[in-house]
């Protein structure tokens, strides 16, 4: 349930940034990493055994997202720092 809430919240915030602040979302990796940060933060509010499960899940999700993230920036993104 926490993972679903984090993904929905990340999508909502990204939608608001695109619609109202006129920012661009460069890749889906940004949304996934935002969701991972929410799950990591909310894991601290859980009991210790569930916290460990959430932290392991966030690490696996982050590593998977970064594995599929393009390692070279497109020419229009010159000067942008990519996650590794």
PDB file of N, CA and C in Angstrom:
ATOM      1  N   UNK A   1       0.819  -1.184   0.000  1.00  0.00           N
ATOM      2  CA  UNK A   1       0.000   0.000   0.000  1.00  0.00           C
ATOM      3  C   UNK A   1       0.871   1.260   0.000  1.00  0.00           C
ATOM      4  N   UNK A   2       1.962   1.216   0.730  1.00  0.00           N
ATOM      5  CA  UNK A   2       2.853   2.376   0.792  1.00  0.00           C
ATOM      6  C   UNK A   2       3.487   2.627  -0.571  1.00  0.00           C
ATOM      7  N   UNK A   3       3.874   1.562  -1.267  1.00  0.00           N
ATOM      8  CA  UNK A   3       4.470   1.709  -2.594  1.00  0.00           C
ATOM      9  C   UNK A   3       3.503   2.332  -3.583  1.00  0.00           C
ATOM     10  N   UNK A   4       2.255   1.895  -3.545  1.00  0.00           N
ATOM     11  CA  UNK A   4       1.244   2.457  -4.435  1.00  0.00           C
ATOM     12  C   UNK A   4       1.012   3.927  -4.122  1.00  0.00           C
ATOM     13  N   UNK A   5       0.933   4.266  -2.853  1.00  0.00           N
ATOM     14  CA  UNK A   5       0.747   5.664  -2.457  1.00  0.00           C
ATOM     15  C   UNK A   5       1.921   6.518  -2.919  1.00  0.00           C
ATOM     16  N   UNK A   6       3.137   5.997  -2.803  1.00  0.00           N
ATOM     17  CA  UNK A   6       4.321   6.753  -3.217  1.00  0.00           C
ATOM     18  C   UNK A   6       4.336   6.970  -4.723  1.00  0.00           C
ATOM     19  N   UNK A   7       3.965   5.963  -5.490  1.00  0.00           N
ATOM     20  CA  UNK A   7       3.931   6.101  -6.946  1.00  0.00           C
ATOM     21  C   UNK A   7       2.861   7.108  -7.352  1.00  0.00           C
ATOM     22  N   UNK A   8       1.690   7.019  -6.745  1.00  0.00           N
ATOM     23  CA  UNK A   8       0.628   7.985  -7.051  1.00  0.00           C
ATOM     24  C   UNK A   8       1.046   9.402  -6.692  1.00  0.00           C
ATOM     25  N   UNK A   9       1.669   9.579  -5.546  1.00  0.00           N
ATOM     26  CA  UNK A   9       2.119  10.898  -5.112  1.00  0.00           C
ATOM     27  C   UNK A   9       3.199  11.444  -6.048  1.00  0.00           C
ATOM     28  N   UNK A  10       4.113  10.595  -6.471  1.00  0.00           N
ATOM     29  CA  UNK A  10       5.167  11.026  -7.400  1.00  0.00           C
ATOM     30  C   UNK A  10       4.564  11.422  -8.745  1.00  0.00           C
ATOM     31  N   UNK A  11       3.597  10.654  -9.237  1.00  0.00           N
ATOM     32  CA  UNK A  11       2.929  11.004 -10.489  1.00  0.00           C
ATOM     33  C   UNK A  11       2.176  12.327 -10.364  1.00  0.00           C
ATOM     34  N   UNK A  12       1.497  12.527  -9.248  1.00  0.00           N
ATOM     35  CA  UNK A  12       0.739  13.753  -9.020  1.00  0.00           C
ATOM     36  C   UNK A  12       1.669  14.968  -8.984  1.00  0.00           C
ATOM     37  N   UNK A  13       2.765  14.858  -8.263  1.00  0.00           N
ATOM     38  CA  UNK A  13       3.702  15.992  -8.175  1.00  0.00           C
ATOM     39  C   UNK A  13       4.354  16.285  -9.528  1.00  0.00           C
ATOM     40  N   UNK A  14       4.658  15.246 -10.274  1.00  0.00           N
ATOM     41  CA  UNK A  14       5.242  15.432 -11.599  1.00  0.00           C
ATOM     42  C   UNK A  14       4.230  16.086 -12.531  1.00  0.00           C
ATOM     43  N   UNK A  15       2.990  15.644 -12.458  1.00  0.00           N
ATOM     44  CA  UNK A  15       1.933  16.243 -13.262  1.00  0.00           C
ATOM     45  C   UNK A  15       1.790  17.726 -12.936  1.00  0.00           C
ATOM     46  N   UNK A  16       1.804  18.086 -11.646  1.00  0.00           N
ATOM     47  CA  UNK A  16       1.695  19.487 -11.260  1.00  0.00           C
ATOM     48  C   UNK A  16       2.886  20.295 -11.758  1.00  0.00           C
ATOM     49  N   UNK A  17       4.075  19.734 -11.679  1.00  0.00           N
ATOM     50  CA  UNK A  17       5.266  20.455 -12.145  1.00  0.00           C
ATOM     51  C   UNK A  17       5.193  20.704 -13.645  1.00  0.00           C
ATOM     52  N   UNK A  18       4.682  19.736 -14.396  1.00  0.00           N
ATOM     53  CA  UNK A  18       4.572  19.883 -15.843  1.00  0.00           C
ATOM     54  C   UNK A  18       3.459  20.874 -16.191  1.00  0.00           C
ATOM     55  N   UNK A  19       2.325  20.770 -15.521  1.00  0.00           N
ATOM     56  CA  UNK A  19       1.162  21.589 -15.855  1.00  0.00           C
ATOM     57  C   UNK A  19       1.287  23.028 -15.382  1.00  0.00           C
ATOM     58  N   UNK A  20       1.714  23.216 -14.143  1.00  0.00           N
ATOM     59  CA  UNK A  20       1.666  24.544 -13.558  1.00  0.00           C
ATOM     60  C   UNK A  20       3.005  25.269 -13.558  1.00  0.00           C
ATOM     61  N   UNK A  21       4.087  24.552 -13.401  1.00  0.00           N
ATOM     62  CA  UNK A  21       5.403  25.182 -13.347  1.00  0.00           C
ATOM     63  C   UNK A  21       6.117  25.138 -14.690  1.00  0.00           C
ATOM     64  N   UNK A  22       5.509  24.486 -15.679  1.00  0.00           N
ATOM     65  CA  UNK A  22       6.055  24.373 -17.035  1.00  0.00           C
ATOM     66  C   UNK A  22       7.439  23.724 -17.063  1.00  0.00           C
ATOM     67  N   UNK A  23       7.664  22.781 -16.155  1.00  0.00           N
ATOM     68  CA  UNK A  23       8.914  22.026 -16.151  1.00  0.00           C
ATOM     69  C   UNK A  23       8.761  20.809 -17.036  1.00  0.00           C
ATOM     70  N   UNK A  24       9.881  20.252 -17.483  1.00  0.00           N
ATOM     71  CA  UNK A  24       9.870  19.039 -18.293  1.00  0.00           C
ATOM     72  C   UNK A  24      10.287  17.848 -17.443  1.00  0.00           C
ATOM     73  N   UNK A  25       9.655  16.747 -17.689  1.00  0.00           N
ATOM     74  CA  UNK A  25      10.085  15.478 -17.098  1.00  0.00           C
ATOM     75  C   UNK A  25      10.957  14.803 -18.144  1.00  0.00           C
ATOM     76  N   UNK A  26      12.230  14.662 -17.877  1.00  0.00           N
ATOM     77  CA  UNK A  26      13.164  14.151 -18.869  1.00  0.00           C
ATOM     78  C   UNK A  26      13.090  12.642 -19.057  1.00  0.00           C
ATOM     79  N   UNK A  27      12.693  11.925 -18.013  1.00  0.00           N
ATOM     80  CA  UNK A  27      12.599  10.469 -18.142  1.00  0.00           C
ATOM     81  C   UNK A  27      11.704   9.911 -17.042  1.00  0.00           C
ATOM     82  N   UNK A  28      11.273   8.679 -17.242  1.00  0.00           N
ATOM     83  CA  UNK A  28      10.473   8.004 -16.217  1.00  0.00           C
ATOM     84  C   UNK A  28      11.303   7.707 -14.973  1.00  0.00           C
ATOM     85  N   UNK A  29      12.610   7.678 -15.137  1.00  0.00           N
ATOM     86  CA  UNK A  29      13.491   7.419 -14.002  1.00  0.00           C
ATOM     87  C   UNK A  29      13.320   8.485 -12.926  1.00  0.00           C
ATOM     88  N   UNK A  30      13.059   9.732 -13.333  1.00  0.00           N
ATOM     89  CA  UNK A  30      12.831  10.800 -12.361  1.00  0.00           C
ATOM     90  C   UNK A  30      11.627  10.477 -11.478  1.00  0.00           C
ATOM     91  N   UNK A  31      10.551  10.004 -12.086  1.00  0.00           N
ATOM     92  CA  UNK A  31       9.337   9.688 -11.330  1.00  0.00           C
ATOM     93  C   UNK A  31       9.588   8.509 -10.400  1.00  0.00           C
ATOM     94  N   UNK A  32      10.277   7.498 -10.890  1.00  0.00           N
ATOM     95  CA  UNK A  32      10.555   6.322 -10.059  1.00  0.00           C
ATOM     96  C   UNK A  32      11.456   6.693  -8.890  1.00  0.00           C
ATOM     97  N   UNK A  33      12.479   7.488  -9.134  1.00  0.00           N
ATOM     98  CA  UNK A  33      13.374   7.895  -8.045  1.00  0.00           C
ATOM     99  C   UNK A  33      12.651   8.778  -7.027  1.00  0.00           C
ATOM    100  N   UNK A  34      11.703   9.598  -7.490  1.00  0.00           N
ATOM    101  CA  UNK A  34      10.899  10.391  -6.564  1.00  0.00           C
ATOM    102  C   UNK A  34      10.043   9.472  -5.691  1.00  0.00           C
ATOM    103  N   UNK A  35       9.423   8.467  -6.301  1.00  0.00           N
ATOM    104  CA  UNK A  35       8.634   7.499  -5.536  1.00  0.00           C
ATOM    105  C   UNK A  35       9.509   6.744  -4.542  1.00  0.00           C
ATOM    106  N   UNK A  36      10.713   6.370  -4.960  1.00  0.00           N
ATOM    107  CA  UNK A  36      11.652   5.680  -4.064  1.00  0.00           C
ATOM    108  C   UNK A  36      11.987   6.558  -2.861  1.00  0.00           C
ATOM    109  N   UNK A  37      12.166   7.856  -3.095  1.00  0.00           N
ATOM    110  CA  UNK A  37      12.492   8.746  -1.973  1.00  0.00           C
ATOM    111  C   UNK A  37      11.328   8.832  -0.991  1.00  0.00           C
ATOM    112  N   UNK A  38      10.081   8.840  -1.499  1.00  0.00           N
ATOM    113  CA  UNK A  38       8.927   8.847  -0.603  1.00  0.00           C
ATOM    114  C   UNK A  38       8.849   7.561   0.211  1.00  0.00           C
ATOM    115  N   UNK A  39       9.040   6.428  -0.446  1.00  0.00           N
ATOM    116  CA  UNK A  39       8.975   5.143   0.257  1.00  0.00           C
ATOM    117  C   UNK A  39      10.072   5.074   1.318  1.00  0.00           C
ATOM    118  N   UNK A  40      11.268   5.532   0.976  1.00  0.00           N
ATOM    119  CA  UNK A  40      12.374   5.515   1.944  1.00  0.00           C
ATOM    120  C   UNK A  40      12.055   6.378   3.156  1.00  0.00           C
ATOM    121  N   UNK A  41      11.483   7.535   2.905  1.00  0.00           N
ATOM    122  CA  UNK A  41      11.123   8.427   4.008  1.00  0.00           C
ATOM    123  C   UNK A  41      10.032   7.816   4.870  1.00  0.00           C
ATOM    124  N   UNK A  42       8.988   7.295   4.214  1.00  0.00           N
ATOM    125  CA  UNK A  42       7.869   6.718   4.950  1.00  0.00           C
ATOM    126  C   UNK A  42       8.247   5.418   5.640  1.00  0.00           C
ATOM    127  N   UNK A  43       9.309   4.769   5.211  1.00  0.00           N
ATOM    128  CA  UNK A  43       9.761   3.535   5.874  1.00  0.00           C
ATOM    129  C   UNK A  43      10.175   3.823   7.311  1.00  0.00           C
ATOM    130  N   UNK A  44      10.680   5.014   7.550  1.00  0.00           N
ATOM    131  CA  UNK A  44      11.075   5.388   8.904  1.00  0.00           C
ATOM    132  C   UNK A  44       9.911   5.469   9.879  1.00  0.00           C
ATOM    133  N   UNK A  45       8.693   5.522   9.358  1.00  0.00           N
ATOM    134  CA  UNK A  45       7.505   5.613  10.200  1.00  0.00           C
ATOM    135  C   UNK A  45       6.903   4.240  10.507  1.00  0.00           C
ATOM    136  N   UNK A  46       7.510   3.184   9.966  1.00  0.00           N
ATOM    137  CA  UNK A  46       6.970   1.836  10.120  1.00  0.00           C
ATOM    138  C   UNK A  46       7.685   1.095  11.250  1.00  0.00           C
ATOM    139  N   UNK A  47       7.121  -0.062  11.628  1.00  0.00           N
ATOM    140  CA  UNK A  47       7.791  -0.872  12.639  1.00  0.00           C
ATOM    141  C   UNK A  47       9.082  -1.443  12.031  1.00  0.00           C
ATOM    142  N   UNK A  48      10.050  -1.800  12.855  1.00  0.00           N
ATOM    143  CA  UNK A  48      11.381  -2.178  12.347  1.00  0.00           C
ATOM    144  C   UNK A  48      11.405  -3.306  11.321  1.00  0.00           C
ATOM    145  N   UNK A  49      10.575  -4.332  11.491  1.00  0.00           N
ATOM    146  CA  UNK A  49      10.618  -5.443  10.536  1.00  0.00           C
ATOM    147  C   UNK A  49      10.083  -5.009   9.170  1.00  0.00           C
ATOM    148  N   UNK A  50       9.010  -4.233   9.131  1.00  0.00           N
ATOM    149  CA  UNK A  50       8.459  -3.764   7.871  1.00  0.00           C
ATOM    150  C   UNK A  50       9.359  -2.692   7.246  1.00  0.00           C
ATOM    151  N   UNK A  51      10.049  -1.935   8.100  1.00  0.00           N
ATOM    152  CA  UNK A  51      10.985  -0.918   7.612  1.00  0.00           C
ATOM    153  C   UNK A  51      12.090  -1.573   6.787  1.00  0.00           C
ATOM    154  N   UNK A  52      12.612  -2.702   7.259  1.00  0.00           N
ATOM    155  CA  UNK A  52      13.680  -3.393   6.533  1.00  0.00           C
ATOM    156  C   UNK A  52      13.181  -3.901   5.184  1.00  0.00           C
ATOM    157  N   UNK A  53      11.943  -4.391   5.136  1.00  0.00           N
ATOM    158  CA  UNK A  53      11.361  -4.875   3.884  1.00  0.00           C
ATOM    159  C   UNK A  53      11.204  -3.725   2.901  1.00  0.00           C
ATOM    160  N   UNK A  54      10.709  -2.588   3.375  1.00  0.00           N
ATOM    161  CA  UNK A  54      10.540  -1.422   2.507  1.00  0.00           C
ATOM    162  C   UNK A  54      11.878  -0.914   1.984  1.00  0.00           C
ATOM    163  N   UNK A  55      12.885  -0.869   2.845  1.00  0.00           N
ATOM    164  CA  UNK A  55      14.198  -0.395   2.414  1.00  0.00           C
ATOM    165  C   UNK A  55      14.812  -1.318   1.368  1.00  0.00           C
ATOM    166  N   UNK A  56      14.640  -2.618   1.532  1.00  0.00           N
ATOM    167  CA  UNK A  56      15.147  -3.563   0.530  1.00  0.00           C
ATOM    168  C   UNK A  56      14.405  -3.394  -0.791  1.00  0.00           C
ATOM    169  N   UNK A  57      13.102  -3.180  -0.713  1.00  0.00           N
ATOM    170  CA  UNK A  57      12.309  -2.970  -1.915  1.00  0.00           C
ATOM    171  C   UNK A  57      12.676  -1.689  -2.642  1.00  0.00           C
ATOM    172  N   UNK A  58      12.920  -0.622  -1.890  1.00  0.00           N
ATOM    173  CA  UNK A  58      13.296   0.646  -2.530  1.00  0.00           C
ATOM    174  C   UNK A  58      14.660   0.535  -3.200  1.00  0.00           C
ATOM    175  N   UNK A  59      15.555  -0.182  -2.588  1.00  0.00           N
ATOM    176  CA  UNK A  59      16.886  -0.360  -3.189  1.00  0.00           C
ATOM    177  C   UNK A  59      16.784  -1.137  -4.497  1.00  0.00           C
ATOM    178  N   UNK A  60      15.966  -2.196  -4.505  1.00  0.00           N
ATOM    179  CA  UNK A  60      15.782  -2.988  -5.724  1.00  0.00           C
ATOM    180  C   UNK A  60      15.101  -2.162  -6.815  1.00  0.00           C
ATOM    181  N   UNK A  61      14.095  -1.377  -6.445  1.00  0.00           N
ATOM    182  CA  UNK A  61      13.392  -0.531  -7.420  1.00  0.00           C
ATOM    183  C   UNK A  61      14.317   0.530  -7.997  1.00  0.00           C
ATOM    184  N   UNK A  62      15.115   1.152  -7.136  1.00  0.00           N
ATOM    185  CA  UNK A  62      16.052   2.181  -7.591  1.00  0.00           C
ATOM    186  C   UNK A  62      17.098   1.588  -8.529  1.00  0.00           C
ATOM    187  N   UNK A  63      17.662   0.456  -8.162  1.00  0.00           N
ATOM    188  CA  UNK A  63      18.688  -0.172  -9.000  1.00  0.00           C
ATOM    189  C   UNK A  63      18.127  -0.588 -10.355  1.00  0.00           C
ATOM    190  N   UNK A  64      16.897  -1.088 -10.370  1.00  0.00           N
ATOM    191  CA  UNK A  64      16.269  -1.477 -11.630  1.00  0.00           C
ATOM    192  C   UNK A  64      16.018  -0.261 -12.507  1.00  0.00           C
ATOM    193  N   UNK A  65      15.516   0.808 -11.918  1.00  0.00           N
ATOM    194  CA  UNK A  65      15.254   2.029 -12.694  1.00  0.00           C
ATOM    195  C   UNK A  65      16.549   2.596 -13.267  1.00  0.00           C
ATOM    196  N   UNK A  66      17.594   2.615 -12.472  1.00  0.00           N
ATOM    197  CA  UNK A  66      18.871   3.167 -12.946  1.00  0.00           C
ATOM    198  C   UNK A  66      19.523   2.256 -13.978  1.00  0.00           C
ATOM    199  N   UNK A  67      19.251   0.954 -13.920  1.00  0.00           N
ATOM    200  CA  UNK A  67      19.780   0.033 -14.913  1.00  0.00           C
ATOM    201  C   UNK A  67      19.210   0.347 -16.295  1.00  0.00           C
ATOM    202  N   UNK A  68      17.915   0.687 -16.360  1.00  0.00           N
ATOM    203  CA  UNK A  68      17.276   0.981 -17.631  1.00  0.00           C
ATOM    204  C   UNK A  68      17.394   2.448 -18.053  1.00  0.00           C
ATOM    205  N   UNK A  69      17.909   3.294 -17.172  1.00  0.00           N
ATOM    206  CA  UNK A  69      18.061   4.719 -17.491  1.00  0.00           C
ATOM    207  C   UNK A  69      19.160   4.896 -18.532  1.00  0.00           C
ATOM    208  N   UNK A  70      18.936   5.742 -19.555  1.00  0.00           N
ATOM    209  CA  UNK A  70      19.975   5.945 -20.575  1.00  0.00           C
ATOM    210  C   UNK A  70      21.237   6.545 -19.951  1.00  0.00           C
ATOM    211  N   UNK A  71      22.371   6.010 -20.322  1.00  0.00           N
ATOM    212  CA  UNK A  71      23.639   6.466 -19.746  1.00  0.00           C
ATOM    213  C   UNK A  71      24.244   7.651 -20.495  1.00  0.00           C
ATOM    214  N   UNK A  72      23.750   7.921 -21.695  1.00  0.00           N
ATOM    215  CA  UNK A  72      24.233   9.072 -22.444  1.00  0.00           C
ATOM    216  C   UNK A  72      23.101  10.055 -22.612  1.00  0.00           C
ATOM    217  N   UNK A  73      23.395  11.324 -22.391  1.00  0.00           N
ATOM    218  CA  UNK A  73      22.374  12.358 -22.527  1.00  0.00           C
ATOM    219  C   UNK A  73      22.135  12.672 -24.000  1.00  0.00           C
ATOM    220  N   UNK A  74      20.886  12.904 -24.377  1.00  0.00           N
ATOM    221  CA  UNK A  74      20.634  13.373 -25.736  1.00  0.00           C
ATOM    222  C   UNK A  74      21.278  14.735 -25.965  1.00  0.00           C
ATOM    223  N   UNK A  75      21.514  15.103 -27.200  1.00  0.00           N
ATOM    224  CA  UNK A  75      22.231  16.340 -27.501  1.00  0.00           C
ATOM    225  C   UNK A  75      21.551  17.574 -26.928  1.00  0.00           C
ATOM    226  N   UNK A  76      20.217  17.581 -26.822  1.00  0.00           N
ATOM    227  CA  UNK A  76      19.527  18.743 -26.273  1.00  0.00           C
ATOM    228  C   UNK A  76      19.704  18.858 -24.738  1.00  0.00           C
ATOM    229  N   UNK A  77      20.218  17.816 -24.099  1.00  0.00           N
ATOM    230  CA  UNK A  77      20.436  17.842 -22.663  1.00  0.00           C
ATOM    231  C   UNK A  77      21.904  18.057 -22.314  1.00  0.00           C
ATOM    232  N   UNK A  78      22.663  18.654 -23.181  1.00  0.00           N
ATOM    233  CA  UNK A  78      24.094  18.862 -22.925  1.00  0.00           C
ATOM    234  C   UNK A  78      24.274  19.641 -21.624  1.00  0.00           C
ATOM    235  N   UNK A  79      25.117  19.129 -20.771  1.00  0.00           N
ATOM    236  CA  UNK A  79      25.394  19.766 -19.489  1.00  0.00           C
ATOM    237  C   UNK A  79      24.545  19.238 -18.350  1.00  0.00           C
ATOM    238  N   UNK A  80      23.624  18.315 -18.610  1.00  0.00           N
ATOM    239  CA  UNK A  80      22.772  17.753 -17.572  1.00  0.00           C
ATOM    240  C   UNK A  80      23.496  16.585 -16.906  1.00  0.00           C
ATOM    241  N   UNK A  81      23.388  16.507 -15.584  1.00  0.00           N
ATOM    242  CA  UNK A  81      24.017  15.422 -14.849  1.00  0.00           C
ATOM    243  C   UNK A  81      23.052  14.239 -14.816  1.00  0.00           C
ATOM    244  N   UNK A  82      23.521  13.053 -15.193  1.00  0.00           N
ATOM    245  CA  UNK A  82      22.711  11.836 -15.165  1.00  0.00           C
ATOM    246  C   UNK A  82      22.994  11.052 -13.895  1.00  0.00           C
ATOM    247  N   UNK A  83      21.977  10.357 -13.393  1.00  0.00           N
ATOM    248  CA  UNK A  83      22.158   9.487 -12.232  1.00  0.00           C
ATOM    249  C   UNK A  83      22.925   8.257 -12.625  1.00  0.00           C
ATOM    250  N   UNK A  84      23.771   7.775 -11.740  1.00  0.00           N
ATOM    251  CA  UNK A  84      24.501   6.544 -12.006  1.00  0.00           C
ATOM    252  C   UNK A  84      24.400   5.625 -10.823  1.00  0.00           C
TER     253      UNK A  84
END
